[in-house]
């Protein structure tokens, strides 16, 4: 029987149950994270009992059942935020989970649970203990977005956290009324944190 916590996190219809695995619910230690070689992360993704990529998928995995529910996982050699040139493409610098659920909605808690399912207890606890560095939008940003008539900017709610091992960026698009349907969580190297924080504060 599929564990309820997994269903609550990645809520998807039964036709996608095959790519979900209770094997990751044992709080196992993640084998591949930002800072490791691209080949190591690729191998980890291929063997991951929850990600279970399709043929041809390497660093980018997509799961979808209907237009109303989607899940993606991306491991990138680039830091998050604005695209910056990098000579070293042999190392993964960020990993991003993106979810869209127009049926059940998205919350910060669901992304935290997804973190535990995909990476295990160590990373989950590192995120829980992480220091909150920046939370948005603040009142000034909301007023600015309203004045500029940019509702998308006003809707974006996010947090940037610094843990002992990694930095974490979580963001959901929360409309004025109703529940959020989409969002993302990114694990990044602490060395890339200053760049991302500056971009988020100035966007």
N, C-alpha and C. Protein backbone atom coordinates (compact mmCIF):
# COMPACT_ATOMS: atom_id res chain seq x y z
N UNK A 1 0.85 -1.20 0.00
CA UNK A 1 0.00 0.00 0.00
C UNK A 1 0.87 1.24 0.00
N UNK A 2 0.57 2.22 -0.86
CA UNK A 2 1.38 3.41 -0.99
C UNK A 2 1.24 4.29 0.24
N UNK A 3 2.38 4.74 0.77
CA UNK A 3 2.39 5.55 1.98
C UNK A 3 1.65 6.86 1.76
N UNK A 4 0.81 7.26 2.73
CA UNK A 4 -0.02 8.45 2.58
C UNK A 4 0.80 9.73 2.50
N UNK A 5 1.96 9.78 3.20
CA UNK A 5 2.77 11.00 3.16
C UNK A 5 3.29 11.25 1.76
N UNK A 6 3.59 10.18 1.03
CA UNK A 6 4.05 10.33 -0.34
C UNK A 6 2.92 10.83 -1.22
N UNK A 7 1.74 10.29 -1.02
CA UNK A 7 0.59 10.74 -1.80
C UNK A 7 0.27 12.19 -1.51
N UNK A 8 0.36 12.59 -0.24
CA UNK A 8 0.04 13.96 0.13
C UNK A 8 1.04 14.95 -0.47
N UNK A 9 2.26 14.49 -0.68
CA UNK A 9 3.29 15.38 -1.20
C UNK A 9 3.21 15.53 -2.71
N UNK A 10 3.16 14.41 -3.39
CA UNK A 10 3.21 14.43 -4.85
C UNK A 10 1.86 14.05 -5.45
N UNK A 11 0.76 14.43 -4.77
CA UNK A 11 -0.59 14.03 -5.11
C UNK A 11 -0.75 13.84 -6.62
N UNK A 12 -0.84 12.61 -7.06
CA UNK A 12 -1.05 12.30 -8.46
C UNK A 12 -1.98 11.10 -8.56
N UNK A 13 -2.75 11.01 -9.61
CA UNK A 13 -3.69 9.91 -9.76
C UNK A 13 -3.01 8.55 -9.82
N UNK A 14 -3.80 7.49 -9.69
CA UNK A 14 -3.27 6.14 -9.59
C UNK A 14 -2.51 5.71 -10.82
N UNK A 15 -2.77 6.31 -11.96
CA UNK A 15 -2.05 5.91 -13.17
C UNK A 15 -0.58 6.27 -13.09
N UNK A 16 -0.18 7.12 -12.11
CA UNK A 16 1.22 7.46 -11.94
C UNK A 16 1.83 6.82 -10.71
N UNK A 17 1.09 5.96 -10.06
CA UNK A 17 1.61 5.31 -8.85
C UNK A 17 2.87 4.52 -9.16
N UNK A 18 3.01 4.03 -10.37
CA UNK A 18 4.16 3.19 -10.73
C UNK A 18 5.48 3.92 -10.57
N UNK A 19 5.50 5.25 -10.70
CA UNK A 19 6.77 5.96 -10.56
C UNK A 19 7.02 6.44 -9.16
N UNK A 20 6.07 6.21 -8.27
CA UNK A 20 6.28 6.55 -6.88
C UNK A 20 6.71 5.30 -6.13
N UNK A 21 7.61 5.46 -5.20
CA UNK A 21 8.12 4.28 -4.50
C UNK A 21 8.19 4.51 -3.00
N UNK A 22 7.72 3.56 -2.24
CA UNK A 22 7.85 3.65 -0.79
C UNK A 22 9.28 3.40 -0.36
N UNK A 23 10.12 3.00 -1.28
CA UNK A 23 11.51 2.74 -0.92
C UNK A 23 12.22 3.95 -0.37
N UNK A 24 11.85 5.15 -0.84
CA UNK A 24 12.52 6.35 -0.38
C UNK A 24 12.00 6.83 0.96
N UNK A 25 10.99 6.17 1.49
CA UNK A 25 10.42 6.63 2.75
C UNK A 25 11.20 6.13 3.96
N UNK A 26 12.26 5.41 3.73
CA UNK A 26 13.06 4.87 4.82
C UNK A 26 14.11 5.87 5.31
N UNK A 27 13.97 7.14 4.89
CA UNK A 27 14.89 8.19 5.33
C UNK A 27 16.35 7.86 4.98
N UNK A 28 16.56 7.38 3.78
CA UNK A 28 17.90 7.02 3.34
C UNK A 28 18.71 8.28 3.02
N UNK A 29 20.00 8.15 3.03
CA UNK A 29 20.88 9.28 2.77
C UNK A 29 21.01 9.48 1.26
N UNK A 30 20.89 10.73 0.82
CA UNK A 30 21.01 11.02 -0.61
C UNK A 30 22.42 10.74 -1.09
N UNK A 31 22.53 10.20 -2.30
CA UNK A 31 23.83 9.84 -2.86
C UNK A 31 24.38 10.90 -3.81
N UNK A 32 23.56 11.83 -4.23
CA UNK A 32 24.02 12.83 -5.18
C UNK A 32 23.35 14.17 -4.89
N UNK A 33 24.16 15.20 -4.80
CA UNK A 33 23.67 16.53 -4.46
C UNK A 33 24.56 17.56 -5.15
N UNK A 34 24.13 18.85 -5.16
CA UNK A 34 25.00 19.88 -5.73
C UNK A 34 26.41 19.81 -5.14
N UNK A 35 27.39 20.01 -6.02
CA UNK A 35 28.78 19.91 -5.62
C UNK A 35 29.42 18.62 -6.09
N UNK A 36 28.59 17.68 -6.54
CA UNK A 36 29.13 16.41 -7.02
C UNK A 36 29.22 16.40 -8.54
N UNK A 37 29.95 15.43 -9.06
CA UNK A 37 30.17 15.33 -10.49
C UNK A 37 28.87 15.05 -11.24
N UNK A 38 28.78 15.60 -12.43
CA UNK A 38 27.59 15.42 -13.26
C UNK A 38 27.29 13.95 -13.49
N UNK A 39 28.34 13.16 -13.73
CA UNK A 39 28.14 11.73 -13.99
C UNK A 39 27.57 11.02 -12.76
N UNK A 40 28.02 11.41 -11.56
CA UNK A 40 27.52 10.79 -10.33
C UNK A 40 26.05 11.11 -10.12
N UNK A 41 25.67 12.36 -10.37
CA UNK A 41 24.28 12.76 -10.20
C UNK A 41 23.40 12.08 -11.24
N UNK A 42 23.89 11.96 -12.46
CA UNK A 42 23.14 11.27 -13.51
C UNK A 42 22.86 9.83 -13.12
N UNK A 43 23.87 9.15 -12.61
CA UNK A 43 23.72 7.76 -12.17
C UNK A 43 22.72 7.64 -11.03
N UNK A 44 22.79 8.58 -10.09
CA UNK A 44 21.86 8.59 -8.95
C UNK A 44 20.42 8.77 -9.42
N UNK A 45 20.20 9.69 -10.35
CA UNK A 45 18.85 9.93 -10.88
C UNK A 45 18.33 8.67 -11.55
N UNK A 46 19.16 8.03 -12.36
CA UNK A 46 18.73 6.84 -13.08
C UNK A 46 18.31 5.72 -12.15
N UNK A 47 18.97 5.62 -10.99
CA UNK A 47 18.69 4.53 -10.04
C UNK A 47 17.68 4.91 -8.97
N UNK A 48 17.22 6.16 -8.97
CA UNK A 48 16.36 6.64 -7.89
C UNK A 48 14.97 6.00 -7.98
N UNK A 49 14.49 5.34 -6.92
CA UNK A 49 13.21 4.64 -6.98
C UNK A 49 11.99 5.55 -7.05
N UNK A 50 12.14 6.83 -6.72
CA UNK A 50 11.02 7.76 -6.83
C UNK A 50 11.08 8.55 -8.13
N UNK A 51 12.25 9.03 -8.52
CA UNK A 51 12.37 9.81 -9.75
C UNK A 51 12.13 8.94 -11.00
N UNK A 52 12.73 7.79 -11.04
CA UNK A 52 12.53 6.81 -12.12
C UNK A 52 12.38 7.48 -13.48
N UNK A 53 13.46 8.01 -14.03
CA UNK A 53 13.38 8.73 -15.32
C UNK A 53 13.01 7.81 -16.48
N UNK A 54 12.38 8.40 -17.48
CA UNK A 54 12.05 7.67 -18.70
C UNK A 54 13.30 7.52 -19.55
N UNK A 55 13.22 6.68 -20.54
CA UNK A 55 14.34 6.49 -21.45
C UNK A 55 14.71 7.82 -22.11
N UNK A 56 15.98 8.16 -22.06
CA UNK A 56 16.45 9.41 -22.66
C UNK A 56 16.54 10.56 -21.68
N UNK A 57 15.89 10.44 -20.51
CA UNK A 57 15.98 11.50 -19.50
C UNK A 57 17.26 11.29 -18.67
N UNK A 58 18.02 12.35 -18.50
CA UNK A 58 19.25 12.26 -17.73
C UNK A 58 19.22 13.16 -16.50
N UNK A 59 19.37 14.46 -16.72
CA UNK A 59 19.38 15.40 -15.61
C UNK A 59 18.04 16.10 -15.44
N UNK A 60 17.11 15.86 -16.35
CA UNK A 60 15.79 16.48 -16.29
C UNK A 60 14.74 15.38 -16.37
N UNK A 61 13.89 15.31 -15.34
CA UNK A 61 12.86 14.26 -15.26
C UNK A 61 11.49 14.92 -15.19
N UNK A 62 10.55 14.42 -15.99
CA UNK A 62 9.18 14.94 -15.99
C UNK A 62 8.19 13.83 -15.66
N UNK A 63 7.23 14.16 -14.80
CA UNK A 63 6.14 13.24 -14.50
C UNK A 63 4.83 14.00 -14.66
N UNK A 64 3.91 13.46 -15.41
CA UNK A 64 2.63 14.13 -15.60
C UNK A 64 1.55 13.09 -15.86
N UNK A 65 0.37 13.40 -15.40
CA UNK A 65 -0.77 12.53 -15.64
C UNK A 65 -1.84 13.26 -16.44
N UNK A 66 -2.16 14.45 -16.01
CA UNK A 66 -3.09 15.30 -16.72
C UNK A 66 -2.51 16.70 -16.77
N UNK A 67 -3.18 17.58 -17.50
CA UNK A 67 -2.71 18.96 -17.56
C UNK A 67 -2.80 19.63 -16.19
N UNK A 68 -3.53 19.03 -15.27
CA UNK A 68 -3.74 19.64 -13.96
C UNK A 68 -2.67 19.28 -12.94
N UNK A 69 -1.82 18.29 -13.22
CA UNK A 69 -0.84 17.83 -12.24
C UNK A 69 0.47 17.46 -12.93
N UNK A 70 1.55 18.15 -12.52
CA UNK A 70 2.85 17.89 -13.13
C UNK A 70 3.95 17.97 -12.07
N UNK A 71 5.04 17.24 -12.32
CA UNK A 71 6.20 17.23 -11.43
C UNK A 71 7.45 17.18 -12.31
N UNK A 72 8.45 18.02 -12.00
CA UNK A 72 9.72 17.94 -12.70
C UNK A 72 10.87 18.01 -11.71
N UNK A 73 11.98 17.41 -12.09
CA UNK A 73 13.21 17.46 -11.31
C UNK A 73 14.34 17.80 -12.27
N UNK A 74 15.14 18.82 -11.92
CA UNK A 74 16.23 19.25 -12.79
C UNK A 74 17.51 19.41 -11.99
N UNK A 75 18.57 18.74 -12.42
CA UNK A 75 19.91 18.93 -11.88
C UNK A 75 20.68 19.75 -12.92
N UNK A 76 21.30 20.85 -12.48
CA UNK A 76 21.91 21.79 -13.42
C UNK A 76 23.35 22.11 -13.05
N UNK A 77 24.17 22.35 -14.07
CA UNK A 77 25.54 22.78 -13.85
C UNK A 77 25.60 24.29 -13.61
N UNK A 78 24.45 24.96 -13.71
CA UNK A 78 24.38 26.40 -13.52
C UNK A 78 23.80 26.73 -12.14
N UNK A 79 24.21 27.85 -11.56
CA UNK A 79 23.57 28.28 -10.31
C UNK A 79 22.16 28.78 -10.61
N UNK A 80 21.26 28.79 -9.64
CA UNK A 80 19.90 29.28 -9.88
C UNK A 80 19.88 30.79 -10.07
N UNK A 81 18.81 31.28 -10.68
CA UNK A 81 18.69 32.70 -10.93
C UNK A 81 19.06 33.04 -12.35
N UNK A 82 19.52 34.26 -12.55
CA UNK A 82 19.89 34.69 -13.90
C UNK A 82 21.02 33.82 -14.44
N UNK A 83 20.90 33.48 -15.72
CA UNK A 83 21.88 32.60 -16.34
C UNK A 83 23.24 33.26 -16.36
N UNK A 84 24.23 32.53 -15.88
CA UNK A 84 25.61 33.02 -15.86
C UNK A 84 26.50 32.00 -16.57
N UNK A 85 27.49 32.47 -17.28
CA UNK A 85 28.40 31.57 -18.01
C UNK A 85 29.25 30.78 -17.02
N UNK A 86 29.41 29.50 -17.31
CA UNK A 86 30.28 28.67 -16.49
C UNK A 86 31.14 27.79 -17.38
N UNK A 87 32.43 27.74 -17.09
CA UNK A 87 33.34 26.89 -17.86
C UNK A 87 33.27 25.44 -17.40
N UNK A 88 33.02 25.26 -16.11
CA UNK A 88 33.02 23.93 -15.53
C UNK A 88 31.63 23.32 -15.61
N UNK A 89 31.44 22.39 -16.52
CA UNK A 89 30.17 21.71 -16.68
C UNK A 89 30.24 20.28 -16.14
N UNK A 90 31.29 20.02 -15.37
CA UNK A 90 31.48 18.67 -14.84
C UNK A 90 30.86 18.52 -13.45
N UNK A 91 30.38 19.65 -12.87
CA UNK A 91 29.85 19.61 -11.51
C UNK A 91 28.44 20.19 -11.47
N UNK A 92 27.54 19.51 -10.76
CA UNK A 92 26.18 19.99 -10.56
C UNK A 92 26.19 21.08 -9.48
N UNK A 93 25.53 22.21 -9.77
CA UNK A 93 25.53 23.32 -8.82
C UNK A 93 24.16 23.57 -8.19
N UNK A 94 23.11 23.04 -8.79
CA UNK A 94 21.77 23.22 -8.20
C UNK A 94 20.85 22.10 -8.66
N UNK A 95 19.86 21.79 -7.82
CA UNK A 95 18.84 20.80 -8.16
C UNK A 95 17.49 21.38 -7.79
N UNK A 96 16.54 21.32 -8.75
CA UNK A 96 15.26 21.99 -8.56
C UNK A 96 14.09 21.02 -8.71
N UNK A 97 13.16 21.09 -7.76
CA UNK A 97 11.90 20.36 -7.80
C UNK A 97 10.82 21.36 -8.15
N UNK A 98 10.04 21.09 -9.18
CA UNK A 98 8.93 21.95 -9.56
C UNK A 98 7.66 21.13 -9.56
N UNK A 99 6.61 21.66 -8.97
CA UNK A 99 5.33 20.95 -8.95
C UNK A 99 4.19 21.89 -9.31
N UNK A 100 3.24 21.35 -10.04
CA UNK A 100 2.01 22.07 -10.39
C UNK A 100 0.84 21.15 -10.08
N UNK A 101 -0.08 21.62 -9.27
CA UNK A 101 -1.24 20.82 -8.90
C UNK A 101 -2.47 21.72 -8.80
N UNK A 102 -3.24 21.75 -9.88
CA UNK A 102 -4.45 22.58 -9.92
C UNK A 102 -5.61 21.93 -9.18
N UNK A 103 -5.43 20.69 -8.75
CA UNK A 103 -6.49 19.97 -8.03
C UNK A 103 -6.38 20.23 -6.53
N UNK A 104 -5.20 20.01 -5.98
CA UNK A 104 -5.01 20.09 -4.53
C UNK A 104 -4.28 21.35 -4.07
N UNK A 105 -3.63 22.05 -4.99
CA UNK A 105 -2.87 23.22 -4.62
C UNK A 105 -1.48 22.89 -4.12
N UNK A 106 -0.63 23.92 -4.00
CA UNK A 106 0.74 23.74 -3.54
C UNK A 106 1.00 24.56 -2.28
N UNK A 107 1.85 24.02 -1.40
CA UNK A 107 2.22 24.70 -0.17
C UNK A 107 3.71 24.51 0.08
N UNK A 108 4.25 25.33 0.97
CA UNK A 108 5.65 25.17 1.37
C UNK A 108 5.85 23.80 2.04
N UNK A 109 4.85 23.35 2.77
CA UNK A 109 4.96 22.08 3.48
C UNK A 109 5.09 20.90 2.51
N UNK A 110 4.40 20.97 1.40
CA UNK A 110 4.49 19.88 0.42
C UNK A 110 5.89 19.81 -0.19
N UNK A 111 6.51 20.95 -0.39
CA UNK A 111 7.88 20.93 -0.91
C UNK A 111 8.85 20.40 0.14
N UNK A 112 8.62 20.71 1.38
CA UNK A 112 9.47 20.18 2.44
C UNK A 112 9.35 18.66 2.51
N UNK A 113 8.16 18.14 2.35
CA UNK A 113 7.96 16.69 2.36
C UNK A 113 8.59 16.05 1.12
N UNK A 114 8.50 16.73 -0.02
CA UNK A 114 9.15 16.23 -1.23
C UNK A 114 10.65 16.14 -1.03
N UNK A 115 11.22 17.10 -0.29
CA UNK A 115 12.65 17.09 0.01
C UNK A 115 13.02 15.83 0.78
N UNK A 116 12.20 15.47 1.76
CA UNK A 116 12.48 14.27 2.56
C UNK A 116 12.38 13.00 1.72
N UNK A 117 11.36 12.95 0.87
CA UNK A 117 11.15 11.76 0.06
C UNK A 117 12.28 11.54 -0.94
N UNK A 118 12.74 12.62 -1.57
CA UNK A 118 13.75 12.49 -2.61
C UNK A 118 15.16 12.38 -2.05
N UNK A 119 15.46 13.14 -0.98
CA UNK A 119 16.84 13.19 -0.48
C UNK A 119 17.08 12.47 0.84
N UNK A 120 16.03 12.19 1.57
CA UNK A 120 16.23 11.51 2.84
C UNK A 120 16.26 12.45 4.03
N UNK A 121 16.46 11.87 5.21
CA UNK A 121 16.33 12.59 6.47
C UNK A 121 17.40 13.65 6.69
N UNK A 122 18.64 13.38 6.26
CA UNK A 122 19.74 14.32 6.51
C UNK A 122 19.46 15.69 5.89
N UNK A 123 19.07 15.70 4.63
CA UNK A 123 18.81 16.96 3.94
C UNK A 123 17.53 17.61 4.46
N UNK A 124 16.54 16.79 4.75
CA UNK A 124 15.28 17.29 5.33
C UNK A 124 15.57 18.05 6.63
N UNK A 125 16.40 17.49 7.49
CA UNK A 125 16.73 18.13 8.76
C UNK A 125 17.62 19.36 8.56
N UNK A 126 18.50 19.31 7.57
CA UNK A 126 19.33 20.47 7.27
C UNK A 126 18.45 21.65 6.87
N UNK A 127 17.41 21.37 6.09
CA UNK A 127 16.47 22.42 5.70
C UNK A 127 15.67 22.92 6.90
N UNK A 128 15.21 22.01 7.74
CA UNK A 128 14.43 22.40 8.92
C UNK A 128 15.23 23.32 9.85
N UNK A 129 16.52 23.04 9.98
CA UNK A 129 17.36 23.83 10.89
C UNK A 129 17.94 25.08 10.23
N UNK A 130 17.73 25.21 8.93
CA UNK A 130 18.35 26.30 8.18
C UNK A 130 17.86 27.67 8.63
N UNK A 131 18.76 28.63 8.57
CA UNK A 131 18.46 30.01 8.95
C UNK A 131 17.70 30.71 7.82
N UNK A 132 16.61 31.38 8.17
CA UNK A 132 15.85 32.14 7.18
C UNK A 132 16.59 33.45 6.91
N UNK A 133 17.06 33.62 5.69
CA UNK A 133 17.82 34.82 5.32
C UNK A 133 16.95 35.89 4.68
N UNK A 134 15.98 35.46 3.90
CA UNK A 134 15.17 36.43 3.15
C UNK A 134 13.81 35.83 2.87
N UNK A 135 12.77 36.62 3.11
CA UNK A 135 11.40 36.19 2.84
C UNK A 135 10.71 37.28 2.05
N UNK A 136 9.99 36.91 1.01
CA UNK A 136 9.34 37.91 0.16
C UNK A 136 7.94 37.45 -0.23
N UNK A 137 7.07 38.38 -0.64
CA UNK A 137 7.35 39.81 -0.83
C UNK A 137 7.13 40.58 0.47
N UNK A 138 7.84 41.68 0.65
CA UNK A 138 7.56 42.58 1.77
C UNK A 138 6.54 43.62 1.31
N UNK A 139 6.13 44.47 2.21
CA UNK A 139 5.07 45.43 1.89
C UNK A 139 5.48 46.36 0.75
N UNK A 140 6.75 46.75 0.75
CA UNK A 140 7.24 47.65 -0.29
C UNK A 140 7.15 46.99 -1.67
N UNK A 141 7.53 45.71 -1.74
CA UNK A 141 7.48 44.99 -3.01
C UNK A 141 6.05 44.82 -3.49
N UNK A 142 5.14 44.56 -2.56
CA UNK A 142 3.72 44.41 -2.92
C UNK A 142 3.18 45.71 -3.49
N UNK A 143 3.46 46.82 -2.82
CA UNK A 143 2.98 48.11 -3.30
C UNK A 143 3.58 48.47 -4.66
N UNK A 144 4.85 48.14 -4.83
CA UNK A 144 5.52 48.41 -6.10
C UNK A 144 4.90 47.59 -7.23
N UNK A 145 4.61 46.32 -6.95
CA UNK A 145 4.01 45.46 -7.96
C UNK A 145 2.60 45.93 -8.32
N UNK A 146 1.86 46.39 -7.33
CA UNK A 146 0.51 46.89 -7.60
C UNK A 146 0.55 48.16 -8.43
N UNK A 147 1.49 49.04 -8.10
CA UNK A 147 1.63 50.29 -8.85
C UNK A 147 2.01 50.01 -10.30
N UNK A 148 2.89 49.02 -10.49
CA UNK A 148 3.35 48.67 -11.84
C UNK A 148 2.38 47.73 -12.55
N UNK A 149 1.31 47.34 -11.85
CA UNK A 149 0.31 46.43 -12.40
C UNK A 149 0.94 45.13 -12.90
N UNK A 150 1.77 44.54 -12.00
CA UNK A 150 2.42 43.26 -12.31
C UNK A 150 1.97 42.24 -11.26
N UNK A 151 0.78 41.66 -11.42
CA UNK A 151 0.23 40.74 -10.42
C UNK A 151 1.07 39.49 -10.20
N UNK A 152 1.83 39.10 -11.20
CA UNK A 152 2.66 37.90 -11.03
C UNK A 152 3.73 38.15 -9.97
N UNK A 153 4.36 39.33 -10.01
CA UNK A 153 5.38 39.67 -9.01
C UNK A 153 4.77 39.72 -7.61
N UNK A 154 3.57 40.25 -7.53
CA UNK A 154 2.90 40.34 -6.24
C UNK A 154 2.57 38.96 -5.70
N UNK A 155 2.27 38.02 -6.60
CA UNK A 155 1.83 36.69 -6.19
C UNK A 155 2.97 35.80 -5.70
N UNK A 156 4.20 36.08 -6.14
CA UNK A 156 5.32 35.21 -5.79
C UNK A 156 5.69 35.35 -4.32
N UNK A 157 5.61 34.25 -3.59
CA UNK A 157 6.00 34.21 -2.18
C UNK A 157 7.15 33.23 -2.03
N UNK A 158 8.22 33.67 -1.38
CA UNK A 158 9.37 32.79 -1.30
C UNK A 158 10.20 32.97 -0.06
N UNK A 159 11.08 31.99 0.14
CA UNK A 159 12.02 32.01 1.26
C UNK A 159 13.39 31.56 0.78
N UNK A 160 14.40 32.18 1.32
CA UNK A 160 15.79 31.78 1.06
C UNK A 160 16.40 31.40 2.39
N UNK A 161 16.91 30.16 2.49
CA UNK A 161 17.43 29.66 3.76
C UNK A 161 18.86 29.17 3.61
N UNK A 162 19.62 29.28 4.69
CA UNK A 162 21.00 28.80 4.72
C UNK A 162 21.13 27.71 5.77
N UNK A 163 21.44 26.50 5.30
CA UNK A 163 21.65 25.38 6.19
C UNK A 163 23.13 25.13 6.41
N UNK A 164 23.45 24.12 7.20
CA UNK A 164 24.84 23.76 7.43
C UNK A 164 25.48 23.19 6.17
N UNK A 165 24.69 22.47 5.38
CA UNK A 165 25.24 21.80 4.20
C UNK A 165 24.95 22.54 2.90
N UNK A 166 23.72 23.06 2.77
CA UNK A 166 23.30 23.70 1.52
C UNK A 166 22.44 24.92 1.79
N UNK A 167 22.19 25.68 0.74
CA UNK A 167 21.22 26.76 0.78
C UNK A 167 19.96 26.27 0.07
N UNK A 168 18.81 26.86 0.43
CA UNK A 168 17.52 26.40 -0.10
C UNK A 168 16.67 27.60 -0.51
N UNK A 169 16.04 27.47 -1.65
CA UNK A 169 15.14 28.51 -2.16
C UNK A 169 13.80 27.86 -2.47
N UNK A 170 12.75 28.34 -1.79
CA UNK A 170 11.40 27.83 -2.01
C UNK A 170 10.51 28.98 -2.47
N UNK A 171 9.68 28.71 -3.48
CA UNK A 171 8.82 29.77 -4.00
C UNK A 171 7.51 29.18 -4.50
N UNK A 172 6.40 29.81 -4.14
CA UNK A 172 5.08 29.44 -4.67
C UNK A 172 4.42 30.69 -5.21
N UNK A 173 3.54 30.49 -6.19
CA UNK A 173 2.78 31.59 -6.77
C UNK A 173 1.40 31.61 -6.12
N UNK A 174 1.22 32.51 -5.16
CA UNK A 174 -0.01 32.57 -4.38
C UNK A 174 -0.90 33.71 -4.88
N UNK A 175 -2.03 33.41 -5.50
CA UNK A 175 -2.93 34.48 -5.97
C UNK A 175 -3.60 35.18 -4.79
N UNK A 176 -4.23 36.32 -5.08
CA UNK A 176 -4.92 37.07 -4.03
C UNK A 176 -6.00 36.23 -3.37
N UNK A 177 -6.70 35.47 -4.19
CA UNK A 177 -7.78 34.63 -3.68
C UNK A 177 -7.53 33.18 -4.10
N UNK A 178 -7.91 32.25 -3.24
CA UNK A 178 -7.75 30.83 -3.56
C UNK A 178 -6.37 30.32 -3.21
N UNK A 179 -6.09 29.09 -3.62
CA UNK A 179 -4.83 28.44 -3.27
C UNK A 179 -3.80 28.54 -4.38
N UNK A 180 -2.55 28.37 -3.98
CA UNK A 180 -1.45 28.35 -4.95
C UNK A 180 -1.46 27.03 -5.69
N UNK A 181 -1.17 27.06 -6.98
CA UNK A 181 -1.18 25.85 -7.79
C UNK A 181 0.22 25.39 -8.20
N UNK A 182 1.18 26.29 -8.14
CA UNK A 182 2.51 25.94 -8.65
C UNK A 182 3.61 26.52 -7.77
N UNK A 183 4.78 25.89 -7.82
CA UNK A 183 5.92 26.38 -7.05
C UNK A 183 7.16 25.56 -7.33
N UNK A 184 8.25 25.93 -6.68
CA UNK A 184 9.51 25.22 -6.88
C UNK A 184 10.35 25.28 -5.62
N UNK A 185 11.20 24.27 -5.45
CA UNK A 185 12.22 24.27 -4.39
C UNK A 185 13.56 23.95 -5.03
N UNK A 186 14.56 24.75 -4.71
CA UNK A 186 15.90 24.55 -5.27
C UNK A 186 16.91 24.36 -4.14
N UNK A 187 17.76 23.35 -4.29
CA UNK A 187 18.92 23.16 -3.42
C UNK A 187 20.13 23.70 -4.16
N UNK A 188 20.90 24.56 -3.52
CA UNK A 188 22.04 25.15 -4.19
C UNK A 188 23.26 25.18 -3.30
N UNK A 189 24.41 25.36 -3.91
CA UNK A 189 25.65 25.48 -3.17
C UNK A 189 25.66 26.78 -2.37
N UNK A 190 26.22 26.73 -1.18
CA UNK A 190 26.27 27.94 -0.35
C UNK A 190 27.09 29.04 -1.03
N UNK A 191 28.04 28.65 -1.86
CA UNK A 191 28.86 29.63 -2.56
C UNK A 191 28.07 30.43 -3.60
N UNK A 192 26.91 29.92 -3.99
CA UNK A 192 26.07 30.62 -4.97
C UNK A 192 24.94 31.41 -4.31
N UNK A 193 24.92 31.41 -2.99
CA UNK A 193 23.82 32.04 -2.28
C UNK A 193 23.79 33.56 -2.45
N UNK A 194 24.94 34.22 -2.36
CA UNK A 194 24.97 35.68 -2.44
C UNK A 194 24.41 36.17 -3.77
N UNK A 195 24.77 35.50 -4.85
CA UNK A 195 24.27 35.88 -6.18
C UNK A 195 22.75 35.80 -6.23
N UNK A 196 22.19 34.69 -5.76
CA UNK A 196 20.75 34.50 -5.81
C UNK A 196 20.02 35.50 -4.92
N UNK A 197 20.55 35.71 -3.71
CA UNK A 197 19.90 36.63 -2.78
C UNK A 197 19.86 38.04 -3.37
N UNK A 198 20.95 38.48 -3.98
CA UNK A 198 21.00 39.82 -4.58
C UNK A 198 19.97 39.94 -5.69
N UNK A 199 19.83 38.90 -6.50
CA UNK A 199 18.87 38.94 -7.61
C UNK A 199 17.43 38.97 -7.09
N UNK A 200 17.16 38.19 -6.06
CA UNK A 200 15.80 38.16 -5.51
C UNK A 200 15.43 39.50 -4.86
N UNK A 201 16.39 40.11 -4.19
CA UNK A 201 16.11 41.39 -3.53
C UNK A 201 15.92 42.53 -4.52
N UNK A 202 16.51 42.39 -5.71
CA UNK A 202 16.49 43.49 -6.68
C UNK A 202 15.56 43.25 -7.86
N UNK A 203 14.86 42.15 -7.89
CA UNK A 203 14.04 41.89 -9.08
C UNK A 203 12.70 42.63 -9.02
